[in-house]
Structure formats: C-alpha cells, structure tokens
PDB file of N, CA and C in Angstrom:
ATOM      1  N   MET A   1      90.653 129.466  74.314  1.00  0.00           N
ATOM      2  CA  MET A   1      89.955 128.355  74.946  1.00  0.00           C
ATOM      3  C   MET A   1      90.883 127.153  75.106  1.00  0.00           C
ATOM      4  N   LYS A   2      91.659 126.866  74.047  1.00  0.00           N
ATOM      5  CA  LYS A   2      92.578 125.743  74.098  1.00  0.00           C
ATOM      6  C   LYS A   2      93.590 125.947  75.213  1.00  0.00           C
ATOM      7  N   ARG A   3      94.062 127.172  75.401  1.00  0.00           N
ATOM      8  CA  ARG A   3      95.027 127.488  76.452  1.00  0.00           C
ATOM      9  C   ARG A   3      94.410 127.284  77.832  1.00  0.00           C
ATOM     10  N   ALA A   4      93.134 127.613  77.999  1.00  0.00           N
ATOM     11  CA  ALA A   4      92.452 127.456  79.288  1.00  0.00           C
ATOM     12  C   ALA A   4      92.308 125.984  79.648  1.00  0.00           C
ATOM     13  N   ILE A   5      92.006 125.145  78.669  1.00  0.00           N
ATOM     14  CA  ILE A   5      91.861 123.717  78.918  1.00  0.00           C
ATOM     15  C   ILE A   5      93.211 123.118  79.294  1.00  0.00           C
ATOM     16  N   THR A   6      94.255 123.491  78.570  1.00  0.00           N
ATOM     17  CA  THR A   6      95.595 122.989  78.860  1.00  0.00           C
ATOM     18  C   THR A   6      96.026 123.407  80.253  1.00  0.00           C
ATOM     19  N   TYR A   7      95.785 124.662  80.620  1.00  0.00           N
ATOM     20  CA  TYR A   7      96.150 125.183  81.933  1.00  0.00           C
ATOM     21  C   TYR A   7      95.383 124.444  83.038  1.00  0.00           C
ATOM     22  N   SER A   8      94.087 124.178  82.805  1.00  0.00           N
ATOM     23  CA  SER A   8      93.274 123.469  83.790  1.00  0.00           C
ATOM     24  C   SER A   8      93.793 122.050  83.994  1.00  0.00           C
ATOM     25  N   LEU A   9      94.126 121.379  82.895  1.00  0.00           N
ATOM     26  CA  LEU A   9      94.665 120.024  83.007  1.00  0.00           C
ATOM     27  C   LEU A   9      95.997 120.032  83.738  1.00  0.00           C
ATOM     28  N   PHE A  10      96.824 121.022  83.488  1.00  0.00           N
ATOM     29  CA  PHE A  10      98.112 121.137  84.165  1.00  0.00           C
ATOM     30  C   PHE A  10      97.908 121.309  85.667  1.00  0.00           C
ATOM     31  N   LEU A  11      97.011 122.204  86.069  1.00  0.00           N
ATOM     32  CA  LEU A  11      96.747 122.426  87.491  1.00  0.00           C
ATOM     33  C   LEU A  11      96.163 121.172  88.140  1.00  0.00           C
ATOM     34  N   TRP A  12      95.262 120.503  87.430  1.00  0.00           N
ATOM     35  CA  TRP A  12      94.662 119.273  87.964  1.00  0.00           C
ATOM     36  C   TRP A  12      95.732 118.211  88.189  1.00  0.00           C
ATOM     37  N   SER A  13      96.667 118.049  87.240  1.00  0.00           N
ATOM     38  CA  SER A  13      97.710 117.033  87.390  1.00  0.00           C
ATOM     39  C   SER A  13      98.647 117.379  88.538  1.00  0.00           C
ATOM     40  N   ILE A  14      98.922 118.650  88.773  1.00  0.00           N
ATOM     41  CA  ILE A  14      99.745 119.045  89.918  1.00  0.00           C
ATOM     42  C   ILE A  14      99.044 118.675  91.217  1.00  0.00           C
ATOM     43  N   CYS A  15      97.761 118.945  91.297  1.00  0.00           N
ATOM     44  CA  CYS A  15      97.005 118.614  92.508  1.00  0.00           C
ATOM     45  C   CYS A  15      96.965 117.097  92.720  1.00  0.00           C
ATOM     46  N   LEU A  16      96.799 116.359  91.639  1.00  0.00           N
ATOM     47  CA  LEU A  16      96.720 114.909  91.732  1.00  0.00           C
ATOM     48  C   LEU A  16      98.017 114.316  92.260  1.00  0.00           C
ATOM     49  N   PHE A  17      99.143 114.743  91.729  1.00  0.00           N
ATOM     50  CA  PHE A  17     100.421 114.162  92.119  1.00  0.00           C
ATOM     51  C   PHE A  17     101.012 114.805  93.361  1.00  0.00           C
ATOM     52  N   ALA A  18     100.483 115.938  93.761  1.00  0.00           N
ATOM     53  CA  ALA A  18     100.998 116.603  94.958  1.00  0.00           C
ATOM     54  C   ALA A  18     100.412 115.992  96.225  1.00  0.00           C
ATOM     55  N   GLN A  19      99.346 115.209  96.084  1.00  0.00           N
ATOM     56  CA  GLN A  19      98.750 114.597  97.254  1.00  0.00           C
ATOM     57  C   GLN A  19      99.710 113.566  97.830  1.00  0.00           C
ATOM     58  N   GLU A  20      99.738 113.503  99.140  1.00  0.00           N
ATOM     59  CA  GLU A  20     100.607 112.540  99.811  1.00  0.00           C
ATOM     60  C   GLU A  20     100.086 111.129  99.586  1.00  0.00           C
ATOM     61  N   LYS A  21     100.980 110.256  99.142  1.00  0.00           N
ATOM     62  CA  LYS A  21     100.595 108.862  98.943  1.00  0.00           C
ATOM     63  C   LYS A  21     100.622 108.157 100.286  1.00  0.00           C
ATOM     64  N   THR A  22      99.615 107.337 100.525  1.00  0.00           N
ATOM     65  CA  THR A  22      99.547 106.577 101.771  1.00  0.00           C
ATOM     66  C   THR A  22      99.411 105.106 101.428  1.00  0.00           C
ATOM     67  N   THR A  23      99.701 104.268 102.383  1.00  0.00           N
ATOM     68  CA  THR A  23      99.525 102.838 102.223  1.00  0.00           C
ATOM     69  C   THR A  23      98.935 102.284 103.506  1.00  0.00           C
ATOM     70  N   LEU A  24      98.160 101.264 103.375  1.00  0.00           N
ATOM     71  CA  LEU A  24      97.591 100.616 104.539  1.00  0.00           C
ATOM     72  C   LEU A  24      98.473  99.469 105.004  1.00  0.00           C
ATOM     73  N   GLY A  25      99.492  99.135 104.228  1.00  0.00           N
ATOM     74  CA  GLY A  25     100.410  98.073 104.617  1.00  0.00           C
ATOM     75  C   GLY A  25      99.767  96.695 104.639  1.00  0.00           C
ATOM     76  N   LEU A  26      98.810  96.475 103.744  1.00  0.00           N
ATOM     77  CA  LEU A  26      98.115  95.193 103.721  1.00  0.00           C
ATOM     78  C   LEU A  26      99.018  94.082 103.190  1.00  0.00           C
ATOM     79  N   THR A  27      98.971  92.938 103.841  1.00  0.00           N
ATOM     80  CA  THR A  27      99.672  91.744 103.383  1.00  0.00           C
ATOM     81  C   THR A  27      98.740  90.553 103.547  1.00  0.00           C
ATOM     82  N   LEU A  28      99.031  89.481 102.838  1.00  0.00           N
ATOM     83  CA  LEU A  28      98.207  88.290 102.935  1.00  0.00           C
ATOM     84  C   LEU A  28      98.395  87.634 104.292  1.00  0.00           C
ATOM     85  N   ASN A  29      97.296  87.316 104.967  1.00  0.00           N
ATOM     86  CA  ASN A  29      97.332  86.641 106.252  1.00  0.00           C
ATOM     87  C   ASN A  29      96.931  85.183 106.092  1.00  0.00           C
ATOM     88  N   HIS A  30      95.747  84.950 105.520  1.00  0.00           N
ATOM     89  CA  HIS A  30      95.293  83.578 105.324  1.00  0.00           C
ATOM     90  C   HIS A  30      94.312  83.496 104.166  1.00  0.00           C
ATOM     91  N   LEU A  31      94.100  82.276 103.738  1.00  0.00           N
ATOM     92  CA  LEU A  31      93.122  81.963 102.716  1.00  0.00           C
ATOM     93  C   LEU A  31      92.188  80.929 103.311  1.00  0.00           C
ATOM     94  N   ALA A  32      90.890  81.134 103.184  1.00  0.00           N
ATOM     95  CA  ALA A  32      89.907  80.168 103.690  1.00  0.00           C
ATOM     96  C   ALA A  32      89.160  79.588 102.502  1.00  0.00           C
ATOM     97  N   ILE A  33      89.012  78.269 102.503  1.00  0.00           N
ATOM     98  CA  ILE A  33      88.253  77.629 101.433  1.00  0.00           C
ATOM     99  C   ILE A  33      87.193  76.717 102.036  1.00  0.00           C
ATOM    100  N   SER A  34      86.045  76.680 101.372  1.00  0.00           N
ATOM    101  CA  SER A  34      84.963  75.795 101.794  1.00  0.00           C
ATOM    102  C   SER A  34      85.243  74.393 101.295  1.00  0.00           C
ATOM    103  N   VAL A  35      85.029  73.426 102.155  1.00  0.00           N
ATOM    104  CA  VAL A  35      85.210  72.019 101.791  1.00  0.00           C
ATOM    105  C   VAL A  35      83.976  71.238 102.213  1.00  0.00           C
ATOM    106  N   LYS A  36      83.699  70.153 101.494  1.00  0.00           N
ATOM    107  CA  LYS A  36      82.536  69.317 101.821  1.00  0.00           C
ATOM    108  C   LYS A  36      82.769  68.543 103.110  1.00  0.00           C
ATOM    109  N   ASP A  37      83.964  67.976 103.243  1.00  0.00           N
ATOM    110  CA  ASP A  37      84.292  67.146 104.401  1.00  0.00           C
ATOM    111  C   ASP A  37      85.644  67.601 104.940  1.00  0.00           C
ATOM    112  N   VAL A  38      85.646  68.242 106.088  1.00  0.00           N
ATOM    113  CA  VAL A  38      86.880  68.818 106.625  1.00  0.00           C
ATOM    114  C   VAL A  38      87.919  67.750 106.956  1.00  0.00           C
ATOM    115  N   ASN A  39      87.485  66.572 107.378  1.00  0.00           N
ATOM    116  CA  ASN A  39      88.444  65.510 107.704  1.00  0.00           C
ATOM    117  C   ASN A  39      89.155  64.990 106.457  1.00  0.00           C
ATOM    118  N   THR A  40      88.399  64.766 105.391  1.00  0.00           N
ATOM    119  CA  THR A  40      88.996  64.315 104.128  1.00  0.00           C
ATOM    120  C   THR A  40      89.938  65.374 103.577  1.00  0.00           C
ATOM    121  N   ALA A  41      89.499  66.622 103.594  1.00  0.00           N
ATOM    122  CA  ALA A  41      90.327  67.718 103.090  1.00  0.00           C
ATOM    123  C   ALA A  41      91.592  67.870 103.930  1.00  0.00           C
ATOM    124  N   ALA A  42      91.455  67.767 105.250  1.00  0.00           N
ATOM    125  CA  ALA A  42      92.619  67.892 106.137  1.00  0.00           C
ATOM    126  C   ALA A  42      93.619  66.772 105.882  1.00  0.00           C
ATOM    127  N   THR A  43      93.124  65.573 105.633  1.00  0.00           N
ATOM    128  CA  THR A  43      94.010  64.449 105.313  1.00  0.00           C
ATOM    129  C   THR A  43      94.781  64.737 104.028  1.00  0.00           C
ATOM    130  N   PHE A  44      94.101  65.261 103.021  1.00  0.00           N
ATOM    131  CA  PHE A  44      94.763  65.598 101.762  1.00  0.00           C
ATOM    132  C   PHE A  44      95.879  66.616 101.981  1.00  0.00           C
ATOM    133  N   TYR A  45      95.565  67.711 102.659  1.00  0.00           N
ATOM    134  CA  TYR A  45      96.563  68.772 102.833  1.00  0.00           C
ATOM    135  C   TYR A  45      97.717  68.351 103.737  1.00  0.00           C
ATOM    136  N   SER A  46      97.462  67.469 104.683  1.00  0.00           N
ATOM    137  CA  SER A  46      98.545  67.041 105.577  1.00  0.00           C
ATOM    138  C   SER A  46      99.309  65.840 105.047  1.00  0.00           C
ATOM    139  N   LYS A  47      98.619  64.812 104.565  1.00  0.00           N
ATOM    140  CA  LYS A  47      99.271  63.558 104.162  1.00  0.00           C
ATOM    141  C   LYS A  47      99.758  63.551 102.719  1.00  0.00           C
ATOM    142  N   VAL A  48      99.110  64.321 101.852  1.00  0.00           N
ATOM    143  CA  VAL A  48      99.506  64.331 100.439  1.00  0.00           C
ATOM    144  C   VAL A  48     100.385  65.543 100.127  1.00  0.00           C
ATOM    145  N   LEU A  49      99.983  66.723 100.592  1.00  0.00           N
ATOM    146  CA  LEU A  49     100.762  67.938 100.315  1.00  0.00           C
ATOM    147  C   LEU A  49     101.747  68.283 101.436  1.00  0.00           C
ATOM    148  N   TYR A  50     101.688  67.544 102.532  1.00  0.00           N
ATOM    149  CA  TYR A  50     102.613  67.713 103.664  1.00  0.00           C
ATOM    150  C   TYR A  50     102.560  69.102 104.307  1.00  0.00           C
ATOM    151  N   LEU A  51     101.396  69.738 104.311  1.00  0.00           N
ATOM    152  CA  LEU A  51     101.256  71.006 105.027  1.00  0.00           C
ATOM    153  C   LEU A  51     101.162  70.706 106.519  1.00  0.00           C
ATOM    154  N   THR A  52     101.685  71.598 107.313  1.00  0.00           N
ATOM    155  CA  THR A  52     101.692  71.422 108.761  1.00  0.00           C
ATOM    156  C   THR A  52     100.409  71.963 109.369  1.00  0.00           C
ATOM    157  N   LYS A  53      99.744  71.107 110.158  1.00  0.00           N
ATOM    158  CA  LYS A  53      98.536  71.522 110.865  1.00  0.00           C
ATOM    159  C   LYS A  53      98.932  72.497 111.971  1.00  0.00           C
ATOM    160  N   ILE A  54      98.145  73.578 112.119  1.00  0.00           N
ATOM    161  CA  ILE A  54      98.382  74.554 113.190  1.00  0.00           C
ATOM    162  C   ILE A  54      97.102  74.714 114.003  1.00  0.00           C
ATOM    163  N   THR A  55      97.209  75.384 115.118  1.00  0.00           N
ATOM    164  CA  THR A  55      96.072  75.541 116.026  1.00  0.00           C
ATOM    165  C   THR A  55      94.963  76.367 115.391  1.00  0.00           C
ATOM    166  N   ASN A  56      93.759  75.816 115.427  1.00  0.00           N
ATOM    167  CA  ASN A  56      92.559  76.522 114.989  1.00  0.00           C
ATOM    168  C   ASN A  56      92.141  77.425 116.148  1.00  0.00           C
ATOM    169  N   ARG A  57      92.483  78.688 116.055  1.00  0.00           N
ATOM    170  CA  ARG A  57      92.213  79.601 117.171  1.00  0.00           C
ATOM    171  C   ARG A  57      90.729  79.937 117.336  1.00  0.00           C
ATOM    172  N   THR A  58      89.900  79.576 116.344  1.00  0.00           N
ATOM    173  CA  THR A  58      88.453  79.786 116.517  1.00  0.00           C
ATOM    174  C   THR A  58      87.881  78.725 117.438  1.00  0.00           C
ATOM    175  N   GLN A  59      88.546  77.583 117.508  1.00  0.00           N
ATOM    176  CA  GLN A  59      88.111  76.435 118.306  1.00  0.00           C
ATOM    177  C   GLN A  59      86.723  75.942 117.910  1.00  0.00           C
ATOM    178  N   LYS A  60      86.297  76.252 116.685  1.00  0.00           N
ATOM    179  CA  LYS A  60      85.005  75.783 116.193  1.00  0.00           C
ATOM    180  C   LYS A  60      85.182  74.451 115.494  1.00  0.00           C
ATOM    181  N   GLU A  61      84.188  73.589 115.630  1.00  0.00           N
ATOM    182  CA  GLU A  61      84.169  72.312 114.913  1.00  0.00           C
ATOM    183  C   GLU A  61      84.017  72.588 113.417  1.00  0.00           C
ATOM    184  N   GLY A  62      84.581  71.711 112.593  1.00  0.00           N
ATOM    185  CA  GLY A  62      84.426  71.840 111.151  1.00  0.00           C
ATOM    186  C   GLY A  62      85.408  72.792 110.508  1.00  0.00           C
ATOM    187  N   ILE A  63      86.416  73.229 111.264  1.00  0.00           N
ATOM    188  CA  ILE A  63      87.430  74.144 110.730  1.00  0.00           C
ATOM    189  C   ILE A  63      88.797  73.596 111.088  1.00  0.00           C
ATOM    190  N   ARG A  64      89.701  73.565 110.111  1.00  0.00           N
ATOM    191  CA  ARG A  64      91.088  73.151 110.340  1.00  0.00           C
ATOM    192  C   ARG A  64      92.007  74.210 109.740  1.00  0.00           C
ATOM    193  N   TRP A  65      93.130  74.448 110.392  1.00  0.00           N
ATOM    194  CA  TRP A  65      94.108  75.427 109.922  1.00  0.00           C
ATOM    195  C   TRP A  65      95.419  74.736 109.596  1.00  0.00           C
ATOM    196  N   PHE A  66      96.083  75.235 108.529  1.00  0.00           N
ATOM    197  CA  PHE A  66      97.385  74.726 108.104  1.00  0.00           C
ATOM    198  C   PHE A  66      98.316  75.894 107.809  1.00  0.00           C
ATOM    199  N   SER A  67      99.595  75.665 108.007  1.00  0.00           N
ATOM    200  CA  SER A  67     100.593  76.676 107.679  1.00  0.00           C
ATOM    201  C   SER A  67     100.957  76.583 106.208  1.00  0.00           C
ATOM    202  N   LEU A  68     101.038  77.740 105.550  1.00  0.00           N
ATOM    203  CA  LEU A  68     101.536  77.827 104.181  1.00  0.00           C
ATOM    204  C   LEU A  68     102.963  78.367 104.169  1.00  0.00           C
ATOM    205  N   GLY A  69     103.547  78.535 105.349  1.00  0.00           N
ATOM    206  CA  GLY A  69     104.893  79.091 105.456  1.00  0.00           C
ATOM    207  C   GLY A  69     104.862  80.607 105.465  1.00  0.00           C
ATOM    208  N   ASP A  70     105.945  81.198 105.927  1.00  0.00           N
ATOM    209  CA  ASP A  70     106.084  82.666 105.977  1.00  0.00           C
ATOM    210  C   ASP A  70     104.934  83.355 106.713  1.00  0.00           C
ATOM    211  N   GLY A  71     104.351  82.687 107.720  1.00  0.00           N
ATOM    212  CA  GLY A  71     103.273  83.284 108.501  1.00  0.00           C
ATOM    213  C   GLY A  71     101.917  83.282 107.807  1.00  0.00           C
ATOM    214  N   LYS A  72     101.813  82.639 106.648  1.00  0.00           N
ATOM    215  CA  LYS A  72     100.547  82.562 105.905  1.00  0.00           C
ATOM    216  C   LYS A  72      99.832  81.268 106.289  1.00  0.00           C
ATOM    217  N   GLU A  73      98.500  81.305 106.268  1.00  0.00           N
ATOM    218  CA  GLU A  73      97.716  80.161 106.710  1.00  0.00           C
ATOM    219  C   GLU A  73      96.651  79.775 105.692  1.00  0.00           C
ATOM    220  N   LEU A  74      96.276  78.510 105.722  1.00  0.00           N
ATOM    221  CA  LEU A  74      95.157  77.987 104.957  1.00  0.00           C
ATOM    222  C   LEU A  74      94.120  77.502 105.954  1.00  0.00           C
ATOM    223  N   HIS A  75      92.891  77.967 105.816  1.00  0.00           N
ATOM    224  CA  HIS A  75      91.805  77.550 106.697  1.00  0.00           C
ATOM    225  C   HIS A  75      90.806  76.733 105.872  1.00  0.00           C
ATOM    226  N   LEU A  76      90.550  75.517 106.304  1.00  0.00           N
ATOM    227  CA  LEU A  76      89.550  74.665 105.676  1.00  0.00           C
ATOM    228  C   LEU A  76      88.266  74.798 106.478  1.00  0.00           C
ATOM    229  N   VAL A  77      87.177  75.108 105.813  1.00  0.00           N
ATOM    230  CA  VAL A  77      85.920  75.397 106.501  1.00  0.00           C
ATOM    231  C   VAL A  77      84.814  74.516 105.933  1.00  0.00           C
ATOM    232  N   SER A  78      84.187  73.722 106.808  1.00  0.00           N
ATOM    233  CA  SER A  78      83.047  72.899 106.370  1.00  0.00           C
ATOM    234  C   SER A  78      81.790  73.247 107.153  1.00  0.00           C
ATOM    235  N   THR A  79      81.719  74.452 107.681  1.00  0.00           N
ATOM    236  CA  THR A  79      80.578  74.852 108.518  1.00  0.00           C
ATOM    237  C   THR A  79      79.493  75.599 107.750  1.00  0.00           C
ATOM    238  N   ILE A  80      79.724  75.886 106.486  1.00  0.00           N
ATOM    239  CA  ILE A  80      78.748  76.621 105.684  1.00  0.00           C
ATOM    240  C   ILE A  80      77.715  75.619 105.159  1.00  0.00           C
ATOM    241  N   PRO A  81      76.425  75.857 105.404  1.00  0.00           N
ATOM    242  CA  PRO A  81      75.408  74.867 105.027  1.00  0.00           C
ATOM    243  C   PRO A  81      75.171  74.745 103.525  1.00  0.00           C
ATOM    244  N   SER A  82      75.524  75.752 102.730  1.00  0.00           N
ATOM    245  CA  SER A  82      75.268  75.664 101.289  1.00  0.00           C
ATOM    246  C   SER A  82      76.238  74.694 100.628  1.00  0.00           C
ATOM    247  N   PRO A  83      75.839  74.103  99.498  1.00  0.00           N
ATOM    248  CA  PRO A  83      76.709  73.127  98.823  1.00  0.00           C
ATOM    249  C   PRO A  83      78.021  73.768  98.348  1.00  0.00           C
ATOM    250  N   VAL A  84      79.082  72.990  98.398  1.00  0.00           N
ATOM    251  CA  VAL A  84      80.378  73.443  97.905  1.00  0.00           C
ATOM    252  C   VAL A  84      80.458  73.087  96.426  1.00  0.00           C
ATOM    253  N   THR A  85      80.723  74.070  95.595  1.00  0.00           N
ATOM    254  CA  THR A  85      80.852  73.824  94.163  1.00  0.00           C
ATOM    255  C   THR A  85      82.285  74.119  93.732  1.00  0.00           C
ATOM    256  N   ILE A  86      82.739  73.382  92.742  1.00  0.00           N
ATOM    257  CA  ILE A  86      84.082  73.568  92.232  1.00  0.00           C
ATOM    258  C   ILE A  86      84.044  74.590  91.113  1.00  0.00           C
ATOM    259  N   ASN A  87      84.915  75.573  91.205  1.00  0.00           N
ATOM    260  CA  ASN A  87      84.995  76.632  90.217  1.00  0.00           C
ATOM    261  C   ASN A  87      86.470  76.966  90.039  1.00  0.00           C
ATOM    262  N   LYS A  88      87.026  76.702  88.874  1.00  0.00           N
ATOM    263  CA  LYS A  88      88.456  76.941  88.646  1.00  0.00           C
ATOM    264  C   LYS A  88      88.840  78.419  88.755  1.00  0.00           C
ATOM    265  N   ALA A  89      87.862  79.308  88.622  1.00  0.00           N
ATOM    266  CA  ALA A  89      88.181  80.733  88.723  1.00  0.00           C
ATOM    267  C   ALA A  89      88.572  81.110  90.150  1.00  0.00           C
ATOM    268  N   VAL A  90      88.081  80.368  91.122  1.00  0.00           N
ATOM    269  CA  VAL A  90      88.442  80.576  92.520  1.00  0.00           C
ATOM    270  C   VAL A  90      89.312  79.390  92.914  1.00  0.00           C
ATOM    271  N   HIS A  91      90.581  79.658  93.215  1.00  0.00           N
ATOM    272  CA  HIS A  91      91.486  78.554  93.478  1.00  0.00           C
ATOM    273  C   HIS A  91      92.642  78.969  94.377  1.00  0.00           C
ATOM    274  N   LEU A  92      93.337  77.970  94.862  1.00  0.00           N
ATOM    275  CA  LEU A  92      94.554  78.128  95.651  1.00  0.00           C
ATOM    276  C   LEU A  92      95.703  77.649  94.770  1.00  0.00           C
ATOM    277  N   ALA A  93      96.727  78.452  94.610  1.00  0.00           N
ATOM    278  CA  ALA A  93      97.880  78.073  93.791  1.00  0.00           C
ATOM    279  C   ALA A  93      99.104  77.958  94.686  1.00  0.00           C
ATOM    280  N   LEU A  94      99.727  76.794  94.658  1.00  0.00           N
ATOM    281  CA  LEU A  94     100.950  76.554  95.419  1.00  0.00           C
ATOM    282  C   LEU A  94     102.076  76.265  94.439  1.00  0.00           C
ATOM    283  N   THR A  95     103.293  76.603  94.806  1.00  0.00           N
ATOM    284  CA  THR A  95     104.457  76.378  93.967  1.00  0.00           C
ATOM    285  C   THR A  95     105.388  75.393  94.648  1.00  0.00           C
ATOM    286  N   THR A  96     106.003  74.518  93.852  1.00  0.00           N
ATOM    287  CA  THR A  96     106.965  73.562  94.388  1.00  0.00           C
ATOM    288  C   THR A  96     108.114  73.379  93.399  1.00  0.00           C
ATOM    289  N   PRO A  97     109.321  73.223  93.912  1.00  0.00           N
ATOM    290  CA  PRO A  97     110.429  72.877  93.019  1.00  0.00           C
ATOM    291  C   PRO A  97     110.444  71.380  92.706  1.00  0.00           C
ATOM    292  N   HIS A  98     109.519  70.628  93.312  1.00  0.00           N
ATOM    293  CA  HIS A  98     109.456  69.177  93.163  1.00  0.00           C
ATOM    294  C   HIS A  98     108.159  68.765  92.455  1.00  0.00           C
ATOM    295  N   PHE A  99     107.898  69.374  91.312  1.00  0.00           N
ATOM    296  CA  PHE A  99     106.648  69.154  90.594  1.00  0.00           C
ATOM    297  C   PHE A  99     106.428  67.683  90.247  1.00  0.00           C
ATOM    298  N   ASP A 100     107.445  67.021  89.718  1.00  0.00           N
ATOM    299  CA  ASP A 100     107.300  65.609  89.335  1.00  0.00           C
ATOM    300  C   ASP A 100     106.959  64.735  90.542  1.00  0.00           C
ATOM    301  N   ALA A 101     107.584  65.024  91.679  1.00  0.00           N
ATOM    302  CA  ALA A 101     107.285  64.260  92.902  1.00  0.00           C
ATOM    303  C   ALA A 101     105.840  64.492  93.336  1.00  0.00           C
ATOM    304  N   LEU A 102     105.349  65.701  93.188  1.00  0.00           N
ATOM    305  CA  LEU A 102     103.959  65.999  93.537  1.00  0.00           C
ATOM    306  C   LEU A 102     103.004  65.203  92.643  1.00  0.00           C
ATOM    307  N   ILE A 103     103.260  65.188  91.355  1.00  0.00           N
ATOM    308  CA  ILE A 103     102.405  64.439  90.434  1.00  0.00           C
ATOM    309  C   ILE A 103     102.413  62.953  90.797  1.00  0.00           C
ATOM    310  N   LYS A 104     103.580  62.398  91.103  1.00  0.00           N
ATOM    311  CA  LYS A 104     103.675  60.989  91.501  1.00  0.00           C
ATOM    312  C   LYS A 104     102.875  60.735  92.778  1.00  0.00           C
ATOM    313  N   GLN A 105     102.933  61.677  93.708  1.00  0.00           N
ATOM    314  CA  GLN A 105     102.186  61.547  94.971  1.00  0.00           C
ATOM    315  C   GLN A 105     100.680  61.536  94.695  1.00  0.00           C
ATOM    316  N   LEU A 106     100.214  62.430  93.838  1.00  0.00           N
ATOM    317  CA  LEU A 106      98.790  62.473  93.488  1.00  0.00           C
ATOM    318  C   LEU A 106      98.356  61.178  92.808  1.00  0.00           C
ATOM    319  N   GLN A 107      99.185  60.684  91.900  1.00  0.00           N
ATOM    320  CA  GLN A 107      98.856  59.432  91.212  1.00  0.00           C
ATOM    321  C   GLN A 107      98.854  58.251  92.175  1.00  0.00           C
ATOM    322  N   LYS A 108      99.830  58.203  93.070  1.00  0.00           N
ATOM    323  CA  LYS A 108      99.912  57.127  94.058  1.00  0.00           C
ATOM    324  C   LYS A 108      98.663  57.069  94.929  1.00  0.00           C
ATOM    325  N   GLU A 109      98.150  58.223  95.281  1.00  0.00           N
ATOM    326  CA  GLU A 109      96.960  58.311  96.135  1.00  0.00           C
ATOM    327  C   GLU A 109      95.652  58.277  95.335  1.00  0.00           C
ATOM    328  N   HIS A 110      95.749  58.131  94.003  1.00  0.00           N
ATOM    329  CA  HIS A 110      94.584  58.092  93.107  1.00  0.00           C
ATOM    330  C   HIS A 110      93.740  59.367  93.238  1.00  0.00           C
ATOM    331  N   ILE A 111      94.432  60.506  93.305  1.00  0.00           N
ATOM    332  CA  ILE A 111      93.758  61.795  93.436  1.00  0.00           C
ATOM    333  C   ILE A 111      93.697  62.437  92.049  1.00  0.00           C
ATOM    334  N   PRO A 112      92.492  62.699  91.542  1.00  0.00           N
ATOM    335  CA  PRO A 112      92.396  63.335  90.229  1.00  0.00           C
ATOM    336  C   PRO A 112      92.901  64.783  90.292  1.00  0.00           C
ATOM    337  N   TYR A 113      93.491  65.209  89.197  1.00  0.00           N
ATOM    338  CA  TYR A 113      93.991  66.586  89.126  1.00  0.00           C
ATOM    339  C   TYR A 113      93.873  67.065  87.689  1.00  0.00           C
ATOM    340  N   SER A 114      93.968  68.354  87.498  1.00  0.00           N
ATOM    341  CA  SER A 114      93.928  68.932  86.148  1.00  0.00           C
ATOM    342  C   SER A 114      94.810  70.161  86.134  1.00  0.00           C
ATOM    343  N   ASP A 115      95.043  70.660  84.935  1.00  0.00           N
ATOM    344  CA  ASP A 115      95.859  71.863  84.818  1.00  0.00           C
ATOM    345  C   ASP A 115      95.061  73.086  85.183  1.00  0.00           C
TER     346      ASP A 115
END
C-alpha cells in the first residue's frame, strides 16, 4: 500500500510539472483612487508632488489623470457618489531619493502626513 501511494504521488508530480507554463504578461497600467474633491487632489499631486498631468481619455468630469513615469498612470476619481473613507490598508506608495525635501514640502504646505 505504501508503495502504491508513493507511486501515485510520483505520477501526480510528473503530471503537475510536465504541464506547459503560461503567462498572461500582465503589468501595471494605472491606479485609480477615489477622492472627495478632484480639484483639491489634483492640486496636491501636481503642485506638491510634482506629478505631470496627462490627458483624461475618458473625457468625463470629475476625473484627472497623472503620469507616474514608465507608462504608469494615476487616476483621481470623484464621480462615485458614496463617501470616500481613509483606510491605510488601501494606499498608493511612491518612492523618492529626496525624502527630506518631500517632508519639507508637505510641512511648507501644511499638509498632514503619517508613516
């Protein structure tokens, strides 16, 4: 019996690894976040974080698009009628080699921040 179980597991593992691996080639395209006021949020991302505004191809009111570099985009959306709530578990993380300058910019603009 022990030999039959071992043999079955061996055959199963051969079948598992013999299957051709495929990929869908998925990459990040954009991130969309809900904002209470699209104009205020757009000012923050453009004037404080210096992100470049790009064309909103939806052409809908209440939506602004920004470049994150490398073909990645940030979409600010204020068209959802439900209230926007802050939840640290859902977030956008950006990296900068100029961390101290970013903190000074946030303080200069009196923008609250946390870790």
